[in-house]
C-alpha atoms as a PDB file:
ATOM      1  CA  UNK A   1       0.000   0.000   0.000  1.00  0.00           C
ATOM      2  CA  UNK A   2       2.930   2.313   0.614  1.00  0.00           C
ATOM      3  CA  UNK A   3       3.999   2.256  -3.052  1.00  0.00           C
ATOM      4  CA  UNK A   4       0.443   2.969  -4.268  1.00  0.00           C
ATOM      5  CA  UNK A   5       0.179   5.812  -1.760  1.00  0.00           C
ATOM      6  CA  UNK A   6       3.385   7.393  -3.088  1.00  0.00           C
ATOM      7  CA  UNK A   7       2.229   7.076  -6.687  1.00  0.00           C
ATOM      8  CA  UNK A   8      -1.170   8.525  -5.775  1.00  0.00           C
ATOM      9  CA  UNK A   9       0.474  11.497  -4.083  1.00  0.00           C
ATOM     10  CA  UNK A  10       2.605  12.225  -7.157  1.00  0.00           C
ATOM     11  CA  UNK A  11      -0.431  11.959  -9.440  1.00  0.00           C
ATOM     12  CA  UNK A  12      -2.362  14.328  -7.164  1.00  0.00           C
ATOM     13  CA  UNK A  13       0.444  16.894  -7.194  1.00  0.00           C
ATOM     14  CA  UNK A  14       0.812  16.588 -10.966  1.00  0.00           C
ATOM     15  CA  UNK A  15      -2.903  17.195 -11.493  1.00  0.00           C
ATOM     16  CA  UNK A  16      -2.711  20.273  -9.292  1.00  0.00           C
ATOM     17  CA  UNK A  17       0.193  21.681 -11.300  1.00  0.00           C
ATOM     18  CA  UNK A  18      -1.550  20.982 -14.615  1.00  0.00           C
ATOM     19  CA  UNK A  19      -4.755  22.585 -13.322  1.00  0.00           C
ATOM     20  CA  UNK A  20      -2.815  25.590 -12.049  1.00  0.00           C
ATOM     21  CA  UNK A  21      -1.047  25.935 -15.384  1.00  0.00           C
ATOM     22  CA  UNK A  22      -4.319  25.834 -17.283  1.00  0.00           C
ATOM     23  CA  UNK A  23      -5.780  28.349 -14.842  1.00  0.00           C
ATOM     24  CA  UNK A  24      -2.756  30.621 -15.281  1.00  0.00           C
ATOM     25  CA  UNK A  25      -3.110  30.386 -19.061  1.00  0.00           C
ATOM     26  CA  UNK A  26      -6.807  31.302 -18.909  1.00  0.00           C
ATOM     27  CA  UNK A  27      -6.265  34.053 -16.273  1.00  0.00           C
ATOM     28  CA  UNK A  28      -8.229  32.142 -13.636  1.00  0.00           C
ATOM     29  CA  UNK A  29      -5.641  30.532 -11.388  1.00  0.00           C
ATOM     30  CA  UNK A  30      -8.012  29.755  -8.502  1.00  0.00           C
ATOM     31  CA  UNK A  31     -10.509  27.879 -10.670  1.00  0.00           C
ATOM     32  CA  UNK A  32      -7.716  25.982 -12.433  1.00  0.00           C
ATOM     33  CA  UNK A  33      -6.197  24.954  -9.120  1.00  0.00           C
ATOM     34  CA  UNK A  34      -9.567  23.824  -7.797  1.00  0.00           C
ATOM     35  CA  UNK A  35     -10.252  21.763 -10.915  1.00  0.00           C
ATOM     36  CA  UNK A  36      -6.756  20.269 -10.702  1.00  0.00           C
ATOM     37  CA  UNK A  37      -7.367  19.332  -7.064  1.00  0.00           C
ATOM     38  CA  UNK A  38     -10.678  17.692  -7.906  1.00  0.00           C
ATOM     39  CA  UNK A  39      -9.173  15.652 -10.719  1.00  0.00           C
ATOM     40  CA  UNK A  40      -6.204  14.806  -8.497  1.00  0.00           C
ATOM     41  CA  UNK A  41      -8.401  13.506  -5.674  1.00  0.00           C
ATOM     42  CA  UNK A  42     -10.385  11.349  -8.094  1.00  0.00           C
ATOM     43  CA  UNK A  43      -7.229   9.992  -9.774  1.00  0.00           C
ATOM     44  CA  UNK A  44      -5.613   9.251  -6.388  1.00  0.00           C
ATOM     45  CA  UNK A  45      -8.731   7.414  -5.207  1.00  0.00           C
ATOM     46  CA  UNK A  46      -8.736   5.283  -8.362  1.00  0.00           C
ATOM     47  CA  UNK A  47      -5.056   4.405  -7.932  1.00  0.00           C
ATOM     48  CA  UNK A  48      -5.500   3.482  -4.265  1.00  0.00           C
ATOM     49  CA  UNK A  49      -8.621   1.412  -4.935  1.00  0.00           C
ATOM     50  CA  UNK A  50      -6.897  -0.629  -7.638  1.00  0.00           C
ATOM     51  CA  UNK A  51      -3.854  -1.400  -5.467  1.00  0.00           C
ATOM     52  CA  UNK A  52      -5.491  -2.818  -2.345  1.00  0.00           C
ATOM     53  CA  UNK A  53      -3.370  -5.320  -0.449  1.00  0.00           C
END
């Protein structure tokens, strides 16, 4: 579970950076960051659910 948790954390952070970058590009950094966080939480949950021990 530790390896899946690490991967999930990296995916979450990556989604936040992508969302922030899109928000910066569209002049709406807060909305982009929030969307990136939402996608990151969903992606992390999927990764953790598929790697149950």
